[in-house]
PDB file of N, CA and C in Angstrom:
ATOM      1  N   MET A   1       0.838  -1.184   0.000  1.00  0.00           N
ATOM      2  CA  MET A   1       0.000   0.000   0.000  1.00  0.00           C
ATOM      3  C   MET A   1       0.875   1.236   0.000  1.00  0.00           C
ATOM      4  N   ARG A   2       0.595   2.146  -0.889  1.00  0.00           N
ATOM      5  CA  ARG A   2       1.315   3.420  -0.974  1.00  0.00           C
ATOM      6  C   ARG A   2       0.811   4.367   0.101  1.00  0.00           C
ATOM      7  N   ARG A   3       1.645   5.338   0.414  1.00  0.00           N
ATOM      8  CA  ARG A   3       1.283   6.385   1.366  1.00  0.00           C
ATOM      9  C   ARG A   3       1.646   7.734   0.766  1.00  0.00           C
ATOM     10  N   VAL A   4       0.774   8.707   0.966  1.00  0.00           N
ATOM     11  CA  VAL A   4       1.085  10.072   0.567  1.00  0.00           C
ATOM     12  C   VAL A   4       1.943  10.682   1.668  1.00  0.00           C
ATOM     13  N   LEU A   5       3.082  11.257   1.265  1.00  0.00           N
ATOM     14  CA  LEU A   5       3.966  11.915   2.233  1.00  0.00           C
ATOM     15  C   LEU A   5       3.747  13.415   2.279  1.00  0.00           C
ATOM     16  N   ASN A   6       3.439  14.004   1.117  1.00  0.00           N
ATOM     17  CA  ASN A   6       3.229  15.450   1.030  1.00  0.00           C
ATOM     18  C   ASN A   6       2.060  15.729   0.101  1.00  0.00           C
ATOM     19  N   VAL A   7       1.280  16.740   0.448  1.00  0.00           N
ATOM     20  CA  VAL A   7       0.152  17.161  -0.384  1.00  0.00           C
ATOM     21  C   VAL A   7       0.089  18.677  -0.392  1.00  0.00           C
ATOM     22  N   LYS A   8      -0.267  19.212  -1.556  1.00  0.00           N
ATOM     23  CA  LYS A   8      -0.473  20.645  -1.697  1.00  0.00           C
ATOM     24  C   LYS A   8      -1.710  20.843  -2.553  1.00  0.00           C
ATOM     25  N   ALA A   9      -2.684  21.592  -2.034  1.00  0.00           N
ATOM     26  CA  ALA A   9      -3.880  21.920  -2.809  1.00  0.00           C
ATOM     27  C   ALA A   9      -3.502  22.954  -3.863  1.00  0.00           C
ATOM     28  N   LEU A  10      -3.979  22.723  -5.085  1.00  0.00           N
ATOM     29  CA  LEU A  10      -3.721  23.620  -6.200  1.00  0.00           C
ATOM     30  C   LEU A  10      -5.036  24.207  -6.702  1.00  0.00           C
ATOM     31  N   PRO A  11      -4.978  25.308  -7.442  1.00  0.00           N
ATOM     32  CA  PRO A  11      -6.206  25.861  -8.027  1.00  0.00           C
ATOM     33  C   PRO A  11      -6.892  24.830  -8.933  1.00  0.00           C
ATOM     34  N   GLY A  12      -8.199  24.973  -9.072  1.00  0.00           N
ATOM     35  CA  GLY A  12      -8.945  24.092  -9.960  1.00  0.00           C
ATOM     36  C   GLY A  12      -9.223  22.727  -9.366  1.00  0.00           C
ATOM     37  N   TYR A  13      -9.214  22.636  -8.044  1.00  0.00           N
ATOM     38  CA  TYR A  13      -9.506  21.379  -7.343  1.00  0.00           C
ATOM     39  C   TYR A  13      -8.540  20.267  -7.745  1.00  0.00           C
ATOM     40  N   ARG A  14      -7.264  20.635  -7.758  1.00  0.00           N
ATOM     41  CA  ARG A  14      -6.214  19.656  -8.028  1.00  0.00           C
ATOM     42  C   ARG A  14      -5.339  19.559  -6.788  1.00  0.00           C
ATOM     43  N   VAL A  15      -4.673  18.413  -6.644  1.00  0.00           N
ATOM     44  CA  VAL A  15      -3.727  18.232  -5.547  1.00  0.00           C
ATOM     45  C   VAL A  15      -2.404  17.742  -6.114  1.00  0.00           C
ATOM     46  N   GLU A  16      -1.333  18.309  -5.592  1.00  0.00           N
ATOM     47  CA  GLU A  16       0.010  17.865  -5.939  1.00  0.00           C
ATOM     48  C   GLU A  16       0.440  16.897  -4.837  1.00  0.00           C
ATOM     49  N   LEU A  17       0.887  15.710  -5.245  1.00  0.00           N
ATOM     50  CA  LEU A  17       1.181  14.653  -4.283  1.00  0.00           C
ATOM     51  C   LEU A  17       2.608  14.141  -4.409  1.00  0.00           C
ATOM     52  N   GLU A  18       3.165  13.733  -3.273  1.00  0.00           N
ATOM     53  CA  GLU A  18       4.416  12.984  -3.237  1.00  0.00           C
ATOM     54  C   GLU A  18       4.147  11.713  -2.444  1.00  0.00           C
ATOM     55  N   PHE A  19       4.508  10.569  -3.027  1.00  0.00           N
ATOM     56  CA  PHE A  19       4.287   9.280  -2.395  1.00  0.00           C
ATOM     57  C   PHE A  19       5.553   8.746  -1.742  1.00  0.00           C
ATOM     58  N   ASP A  20       5.395   7.717  -0.930  1.00  0.00           N
ATOM     59  CA  ASP A  20       6.496   7.164  -0.167  1.00  0.00           C
ATOM     60  C   ASP A  20       7.577   6.497  -1.007  1.00  0.00           C
ATOM     61  N   ASP A  21       7.330   6.266  -2.288  1.00  0.00           N
ATOM     62  CA  ASP A  21       8.361   5.694  -3.162  1.00  0.00           C
ATOM     63  C   ASP A  21       9.012   6.763  -4.035  1.00  0.00           C
ATOM     64  N   GLY A  22       8.724   8.050  -3.763  1.00  0.00           N
ATOM     65  CA  GLY A  22       9.325   9.145  -4.499  1.00  0.00           C
ATOM     66  C   GLY A  22       8.523   9.611  -5.700  1.00  0.00           C
ATOM     67  N   VAL A  23       7.472   8.892  -6.077  1.00  0.00           N
ATOM     68  CA  VAL A  23       6.627   9.299  -7.197  1.00  0.00           C
ATOM     69  C   VAL A  23       5.885  10.581  -6.826  1.00  0.00           C
ATOM     70  N   CYS A  24       5.871  11.534  -7.761  1.00  0.00           N
ATOM     71  CA  CYS A  24       5.173  12.807  -7.567  1.00  0.00           C
ATOM     72  C   CYS A  24       4.259  13.050  -8.759  1.00  0.00           C
ATOM     73  N   GLY A  25       3.180  13.756  -8.516  1.00  0.00           N
ATOM     74  CA  GLY A  25       2.285  14.094  -9.606  1.00  0.00           C
ATOM     75  C   GLY A  25       1.097  14.886  -9.116  1.00  0.00           C
ATOM     76  N   VAL A  26       0.239  15.237 -10.074  1.00  0.00           N
ATOM     77  CA  VAL A  26      -0.940  16.043  -9.794  1.00  0.00           C
ATOM     78  C   VAL A  26      -2.187  15.241 -10.155  1.00  0.00           C
ATOM     79  N   VAL A  27      -3.186  15.297  -9.280  1.00  0.00           N
ATOM     80  CA  VAL A  27      -4.468  14.637  -9.532  1.00  0.00           C
ATOM     81  C   VAL A  27      -5.549  15.702  -9.571  1.00  0.00           C
ATOM     82  N   ASP A  28      -6.365  15.647 -10.618  1.00  0.00           N
ATOM     83  CA  ASP A  28      -7.482  16.567 -10.789  1.00  0.00           C
ATOM     84  C   ASP A  28      -8.729  15.939 -10.167  1.00  0.00           C
ATOM     85  N   LEU A  29      -9.275  16.565  -9.156  1.00  0.00           N
ATOM     86  CA  LEU A  29     -10.454  16.067  -8.452  1.00  0.00           C
ATOM     87  C   LEU A  29     -11.699  16.890  -8.777  1.00  0.00           C
ATOM     88  N   SER A  30     -11.608  17.757  -9.767  1.00  0.00           N
ATOM     89  CA  SER A  30     -12.672  18.718 -10.044  1.00  0.00           C
ATOM     90  C   SER A  30     -14.000  18.079 -10.438  1.00  0.00           C
ATOM     91  N   GLU A  31     -13.984  16.916 -11.065  1.00  0.00           N
ATOM     92  CA  GLU A  31     -15.269  16.351 -11.491  1.00  0.00           C
ATOM     93  C   GLU A  31     -16.107  15.816 -10.333  1.00  0.00           C
ATOM     94  N   ALA A  32     -15.521  15.676  -9.152  1.00  0.00           N
ATOM     95  CA  ALA A  32     -16.277  15.223  -7.981  1.00  0.00           C
ATOM     96  C   ALA A  32     -16.930  16.379  -7.216  1.00  0.00           C
ATOM     97  N   VAL A  33     -16.451  17.594  -7.440  1.00  0.00           N
ATOM     98  CA  VAL A  33     -16.916  18.756  -6.677  1.00  0.00           C
ATOM     99  C   VAL A  33     -18.436  18.902  -6.768  1.00  0.00           C
ATOM    100  N   GLY A  34     -19.053  19.038  -5.591  1.00  0.00           N
ATOM    101  CA  GLY A  34     -20.493  19.275  -5.519  1.00  0.00           C
ATOM    102  C   GLY A  34     -21.340  18.017  -5.514  1.00  0.00           C
ATOM    103  N   LYS A  35     -20.739  16.853  -5.686  1.00  0.00           N
ATOM    104  CA  LYS A  35     -21.488  15.592  -5.760  1.00  0.00           C
ATOM    105  C   LYS A  35     -21.397  14.844  -4.431  1.00  0.00           C
ATOM    106  N   GLY A  36     -22.536  14.499  -3.860  1.00  0.00           N
ATOM    107  CA  GLY A  36     -22.561  13.721  -2.613  1.00  0.00           C
ATOM    108  C   GLY A  36     -21.736  14.379  -1.521  1.00  0.00           C
ATOM    109  N   VAL A  37     -20.874  13.587  -0.883  1.00  0.00           N
ATOM    110  CA  VAL A  37     -20.046  14.130   0.200  1.00  0.00           C
ATOM    111  C   VAL A  37     -19.096  15.209  -0.291  1.00  0.00           C
ATOM    112  N   PHE A  38     -18.822  15.212  -1.607  1.00  0.00           N
ATOM    113  CA  PHE A  38     -17.904  16.193  -2.166  1.00  0.00           C
ATOM    114  C   PHE A  38     -18.533  17.583  -2.310  1.00  0.00           C
ATOM    115  N   ALA A  39     -19.776  17.736  -1.862  1.00  0.00           N
ATOM    116  CA  ALA A  39     -20.400  19.058  -1.795  1.00  0.00           C
ATOM    117  C   ALA A  39     -19.579  19.965  -0.872  1.00  0.00           C
ATOM    118  N   LEU A  40     -18.874  19.373   0.078  1.00  0.00           N
ATOM    119  CA  LEU A  40     -17.997  20.120   0.983  1.00  0.00           C
ATOM    120  C   LEU A  40     -17.006  20.969   0.188  1.00  0.00           C
ATOM    121  N   TRP A  41     -16.560  20.444  -0.949  1.00  0.00           N
ATOM    122  CA  TRP A  41     -15.564  21.136  -1.762  1.00  0.00           C
ATOM    123  C   TRP A  41     -16.145  22.302  -2.552  1.00  0.00           C
ATOM    124  N   SER A  42     -17.454  22.501  -2.513  1.00  0.00           N
ATOM    125  CA  SER A  42     -18.041  23.633  -3.229  1.00  0.00           C
ATOM    126  C   SER A  42     -17.437  24.948  -2.741  1.00  0.00           C
ATOM    127  N   ASN A  43     -16.934  24.938  -1.535  1.00  0.00           N
ATOM    128  CA  ASN A  43     -16.198  26.070  -0.984  1.00  0.00           C
ATOM    129  C   ASN A  43     -14.708  25.782  -1.184  1.00  0.00           C
ATOM    130  N   PRO A  44     -14.046  26.476  -2.114  1.00  0.00           N
ATOM    131  CA  PRO A  44     -12.629  26.213  -2.382  1.00  0.00           C
ATOM    132  C   PRO A  44     -11.738  26.314  -1.144  1.00  0.00           C
ATOM    133  N   LEU A  45     -12.110  27.145  -0.194  1.00  0.00           N
ATOM    134  CA  LEU A  45     -11.307  27.267   1.029  1.00  0.00           C
ATOM    135  C   LEU A  45     -11.316  25.967   1.822  1.00  0.00           C
ATOM    136  N   LEU A  46     -12.439  25.250   1.800  1.00  0.00           N
ATOM    137  CA  LEU A  46     -12.498  23.963   2.496  1.00  0.00           C
ATOM    138  C   LEU A  46     -11.691  22.908   1.758  1.00  0.00           C
ATOM    139  N   PHE A  47     -11.675  22.951   0.428  1.00  0.00           N
ATOM    140  CA  PHE A  47     -10.845  22.021  -0.342  1.00  0.00           C
ATOM    141  C   PHE A  47      -9.372  22.191   0.020  1.00  0.00           C
ATOM    142  N   GLU A  48      -8.955  23.433   0.219  1.00  0.00           N
ATOM    143  CA  GLU A  48      -7.553  23.729   0.525  1.00  0.00           C
ATOM    144  C   GLU A  48      -7.121  23.197   1.887  1.00  0.00           C
ATOM    145  N   ARG A  49      -8.049  22.786   2.719  1.00  0.00           N
ATOM    146  CA  ARG A  49      -7.722  22.276   4.065  1.00  0.00           C
ATOM    147  C   ARG A  49      -7.359  20.795   4.058  1.00  0.00           C
ATOM    148  N   VAL A  50      -6.984  20.265   2.931  1.00  0.00           N
ATOM    149  CA  VAL A  50      -6.595  18.857   2.832  1.00  0.00           C
ATOM    150  C   VAL A  50      -5.411  18.583   3.754  1.00  0.00           C
ATOM    151  N   ARG A  51      -5.430  17.384   4.319  1.00  0.00           N
ATOM    152  CA  ARG A  51      -4.306  16.945   5.148  1.00  0.00           C
ATOM    153  C   ARG A  51      -4.090  15.455   4.905  1.00  0.00           C
ATOM    154  N   ILE A  52      -3.015  14.946   5.424  1.00  0.00           N
ATOM    155  CA  ILE A  52      -2.694  13.523   5.282  1.00  0.00           C
ATOM    156  C   ILE A  52      -3.118  12.798   6.543  1.00  0.00           C
ATOM    157  N   GLY A  53      -3.885  11.722   6.375  1.00  0.00           N
ATOM    158  CA  GLY A  53      -4.355  10.927   7.496  1.00  0.00           C
ATOM    159  C   GLY A  53      -3.298   9.945   7.980  1.00  0.00           C
ATOM    160  N   SER A  54      -3.617   9.219   9.023  1.00  0.00           N
ATOM    161  CA  SER A  54      -2.665   8.307   9.666  1.00  0.00           C
ATOM    162  C   SER A  54      -2.241   7.135   8.794  1.00  0.00           C
ATOM    163  N   SER A  55      -3.013   6.825   7.762  1.00  0.00           N
ATOM    164  CA  SER A  55      -2.659   5.720   6.858  1.00  0.00           C
ATOM    165  C   SER A  55      -2.139   6.222   5.512  1.00  0.00           C
ATOM    166  N   GLY A  56      -1.807   7.497   5.437  1.00  0.00           N
ATOM    167  CA  GLY A  56      -1.278   8.060   4.206  1.00  0.00           C
ATOM    168  C   GLY A  56      -2.335   8.455   3.209  1.00  0.00           C
ATOM    169  N   GLU A  57      -3.582   8.508   3.644  1.00  0.00           N
ATOM    170  CA  GLU A  57      -4.698   8.915   2.779  1.00  0.00           C
ATOM    171  C   GLU A  57      -4.886  10.428   2.848  1.00  0.00           C
ATOM    172  N   LEU A  58      -5.629  10.980   1.895  1.00  0.00           N
ATOM    173  CA  LEU A  58      -5.981  12.397   1.956  1.00  0.00           C
ATOM    174  C   LEU A  58      -7.284  12.538   2.721  1.00  0.00           C
ATOM    175  N   VAL A  59      -7.344  13.554   3.586  1.00  0.00           N
ATOM    176  CA  VAL A  59      -8.489  13.729   4.467  1.00  0.00           C
ATOM    177  C   VAL A  59      -8.931  15.189   4.457  1.00  0.00           C
ATOM    178  N   TRP A  60     -10.248  15.364   4.434  1.00  0.00           N
ATOM    179  CA  TRP A  60     -10.870  16.674   4.597  1.00  0.00           C
ATOM    180  C   TRP A  60     -11.845  16.554   5.755  1.00  0.00           C
ATOM    181  N   SER A  61     -11.565  17.241   6.840  1.00  0.00           N
ATOM    182  CA  SER A  61     -12.318  17.155   8.097  1.00  0.00           C
ATOM    183  C   SER A  61     -12.555  15.689   8.423  1.00  0.00           C
ATOM    184  N   ASP A  62     -13.725  15.356   8.920  1.00  0.00           N
ATOM    185  CA  ASP A  62     -14.020  13.946   9.220  1.00  0.00           C
ATOM    186  C   ASP A  62     -15.011  13.390   8.207  1.00  0.00           C
ATOM    187  N   ARG A  63     -15.142  14.064   7.046  1.00  0.00           N
ATOM    188  CA  ARG A  63     -16.183  13.699   6.085  1.00  0.00           C
ATOM    189  C   ARG A  63     -15.673  13.047   4.815  1.00  0.00           C
ATOM    190  N   ILE A  64     -14.430  13.336   4.416  1.00  0.00           N
ATOM    191  CA  ILE A  64     -13.916  12.810   3.155  1.00  0.00           C
ATOM    192  C   ILE A  64     -12.523  12.244   3.378  1.00  0.00           C
ATOM    193  N   ASP A  65     -12.287  11.043   2.849  1.00  0.00           N
ATOM    194  CA  ASP A  65     -10.931  10.515   2.786  1.00  0.00           C
ATOM    195  C   ASP A  65     -10.770   9.773   1.463  1.00  0.00           C
ATOM    196  N   LEU A  66      -9.604   9.943   0.853  1.00  0.00           N
ATOM    197  CA  LEU A  66      -9.321   9.324  -0.437  1.00  0.00           C
ATOM    198  C   LEU A  66      -8.161   8.355  -0.295  1.00  0.00           C
ATOM    199  N   CYS A  67      -8.351   7.168  -0.825  1.00  0.00           N
ATOM    200  CA  CYS A  67      -7.375   6.079  -0.753  1.00  0.00           C
ATOM    201  C   CYS A  67      -6.074   6.456  -1.462  1.00  0.00           C
ATOM    202  N   PRO A  68      -4.929   6.278  -0.802  1.00  0.00           N
ATOM    203  CA  PRO A  68      -3.662   6.616  -1.447  1.00  0.00           C
ATOM    204  C   PRO A  68      -3.364   5.733  -2.659  1.00  0.00           C
ATOM    205  N   ASP A  69      -3.795   4.469  -2.638  1.00  0.00           N
ATOM    206  CA  ASP A  69      -3.537   3.595  -3.789  1.00  0.00           C
ATOM    207  C   ASP A  69      -4.284   4.074  -5.023  1.00  0.00           C
ATOM    208  N   SER A  70      -5.513   4.500  -4.848  1.00  0.00           N
ATOM    209  CA  SER A  70      -6.300   5.024  -5.958  1.00  0.00           C
ATOM    210  C   SER A  70      -5.646   6.276  -6.538  1.00  0.00           C
ATOM    211  N   LEU A  71      -5.180   7.142  -5.671  1.00  0.00           N
ATOM    212  CA  LEU A  71      -4.492   8.353  -6.120  1.00  0.00           C
ATOM    213  C   LEU A  71      -3.198   8.005  -6.840  1.00  0.00           C
ATOM    214  N   TYR A  72      -2.494   7.001  -6.342  1.00  0.00           N
ATOM    215  CA  TYR A  72      -1.244   6.558  -6.960  1.00  0.00           C
ATOM    216  C   TYR A  72      -1.502   6.058  -8.383  1.00  0.00           C
ATOM    217  N   LEU A  73      -2.580   5.304  -8.564  1.00  0.00           N
ATOM    218  CA  LEU A  73      -2.939   4.823  -9.900  1.00  0.00           C
ATOM    219  C   LEU A  73      -3.213   5.993 -10.840  1.00  0.00           C
ATOM    220  N   LYS A  74      -3.882   7.026 -10.345  1.00  0.00           N
ATOM    221  CA  LYS A  74      -4.170   8.197 -11.177  1.00  0.00           C
ATOM    222  C   LYS A  74      -2.884   8.929 -11.568  1.00  0.00           C
ATOM    223  N   VAL A  75      -1.966   9.057 -10.636  1.00  0.00           N
ATOM    224  CA  VAL A  75      -0.710   9.769 -10.914  1.00  0.00           C
ATOM    225  C   VAL A  75       0.160   8.988 -11.901  1.00  0.00           C
ATOM    226  N   THR A  76       0.243   7.688 -11.716  1.00  0.00           N
ATOM    227  CA  THR A  76       1.161   6.881 -12.525  1.00  0.00           C
ATOM    228  C   THR A  76       0.550   6.335 -13.803  1.00  0.00           C
ATOM    229  N   GLY A  77      -0.782   6.269 -13.868  1.00  0.00           N
ATOM    230  CA  GLY A  77      -1.436   5.664 -15.024  1.00  0.00           C
ATOM    231  C   GLY A  77      -1.368   4.147 -15.018  1.00  0.00           C
ATOM    232  N   LYS A  78      -0.955   3.577 -13.898  1.00  0.00           N
ATOM    233  CA  LYS A  78      -0.864   2.125 -13.785  1.00  0.00           C
ATOM    234  C   LYS A  78      -2.231   1.512 -13.533  1.00  0.00           C
ATOM    235  N   LYS A  79      -2.294   0.193 -13.726  1.00  0.00           N
ATOM    236  CA  LYS A  79      -3.501  -0.574 -13.438  1.00  0.00           C
ATOM    237  C   LYS A  79      -3.335  -1.221 -12.062  1.00  0.00           C
ATOM    238  N   PRO A  80      -4.455  -1.580 -11.405  1.00  0.00           N
ATOM    239  CA  PRO A  80      -4.353  -2.189 -10.072  1.00  0.00           C
ATOM    240  C   PRO A  80      -3.415  -3.395 -10.033  1.00  0.00           C
ATOM    241  N   GLU A  81      -3.445  -4.249 -11.053  1.00  0.00           N
ATOM    242  CA  GLU A  81      -2.585  -5.437 -11.040  1.00  0.00           C
ATOM    243  C   GLU A  81      -1.098  -5.094 -11.158  1.00  0.00           C
ATOM    244  N   ASP A  82      -0.788  -3.854 -11.602  1.00  0.00           N
ATOM    245  CA  ASP A  82       0.608  -3.428 -11.666  1.00  0.00           C
ATOM    246  C   ASP A  82       1.197  -3.191 -10.284  1.00  0.00           C
ATOM    247  N   ILE A  83       0.376  -2.742  -9.346  1.00  0.00           N
ATOM    248  CA  ILE A  83       0.895  -2.490  -7.995  1.00  0.00           C
ATOM    249  C   ILE A  83       0.462  -3.561  -6.997  1.00  0.00           C
ATOM    250  N   PHE A  84      -0.485  -4.400  -7.400  1.00  0.00           N
ATOM    251  CA  PHE A  84      -0.922  -5.532  -6.586  1.00  0.00           C
ATOM    252  C   PHE A  84      -0.803  -6.786  -7.443  1.00  0.00           C
ATOM    253  N   PRO A  85       0.401  -7.356  -7.569  1.00  0.00           N
ATOM    254  CA  PRO A  85       0.625  -8.501  -8.459  1.00  0.00           C
ATOM    255  C   PRO A  85      -0.305  -9.684  -8.212  1.00  0.00           C
ATOM    256  N   ALA A  86      -0.790  -9.870  -7.014  1.00  0.00           N
ATOM    257  CA  ALA A  86      -1.680 -11.001  -6.719  1.00  0.00           C
ATOM    258  C   ALA A  86      -2.959 -10.926  -7.541  1.00  0.00           C
ATOM    259  N   LEU A  87      -3.322  -9.725  -7.991  1.00  0.00           N
ATOM    260  CA  LEU A  87      -4.532  -9.587  -8.800  1.00  0.00           C
ATOM    261  C   LEU A  87      -4.373 -10.239 -10.181  1.00  0.00           C
ATOM    262  N   ARG A  88      -3.137 -10.391 -10.629  1.00  0.00           N
ATOM    263  CA  ARG A  88      -2.893 -11.032 -11.928  1.00  0.00           C
ATOM    264  C   ARG A  88      -3.258 -12.508 -11.891  1.00  0.00           C
ATOM    265  N   ASP A  89      -3.184 -13.106 -10.727  1.00  0.00           N
ATOM    266  CA  ASP A  89      -3.399 -14.535 -10.578  1.00  0.00           C
ATOM    267  C   ASP A  89      -4.857 -14.899 -10.327  1.00  0.00           C
ATOM    268  N   GLN A  90      -5.740 -13.910 -10.347  1.00  0.00           N
ATOM    269  CA  GLN A  90      -7.147 -14.185 -10.080  1.00  0.00           C
ATOM    270  C   GLN A  90      -7.786 -14.865 -11.292  1.00  0.00           C
ATOM    271  N   PRO A  91      -8.514 -15.946 -11.080  1.00  0.00           N
ATOM    272  CA  PRO A  91      -9.168 -16.606 -12.207  1.00  0.00           C
ATOM    273  C   PRO A  91     -10.296 -15.728 -12.737  1.00  0.00           C
ATOM    274  N   THR A  92     -10.514 -15.827 -14.046  1.00  0.00           N
ATOM    275  CA  THR A  92     -11.622 -15.097 -14.651  1.00  0.00           C
ATOM    276  C   THR A  92     -12.755 -16.050 -14.901  1.00  0.00           C
ATOM    277  N   HIS A  93     -13.957 -15.569 -14.737  1.00  0.00           N
ATOM    278  CA  HIS A  93     -15.145 -16.397 -14.921  1.00  0.00           C
ATOM    279  C   HIS A  93     -15.972 -15.809 -16.042  1.00  0.00           C
ATOM    280  N   ALA A  94     -16.519 -16.713 -16.851  1.00  0.00           N
ATOM    281  CA  ALA A  94     -17.348 -16.266 -17.972  1.00  0.00           C
ATOM    282  C   ALA A  94     -18.781 -16.161 -17.549  1.00  0.00           C
TER     283      ALA A  94
END
């Protein structure tokens, strides 16, 4: 499991991330703004209050947390089986 070490909120509901393996990149979260729990982000000042949680996830107050592995996939463009090799061995069913 990856962990976010550093986060910086950027304009346009984007976050700049640094992961525990040195990978850095930007994730655009703008399409979630205003939907469901992400209504919190309708106020850009609240979006800017992002912090890193105890498991390396991104957290906004006690209402939103984003999985670091999911963010890592977005930054790197990798597929889940690329970072979780055991997923390659899963049988497929028709």
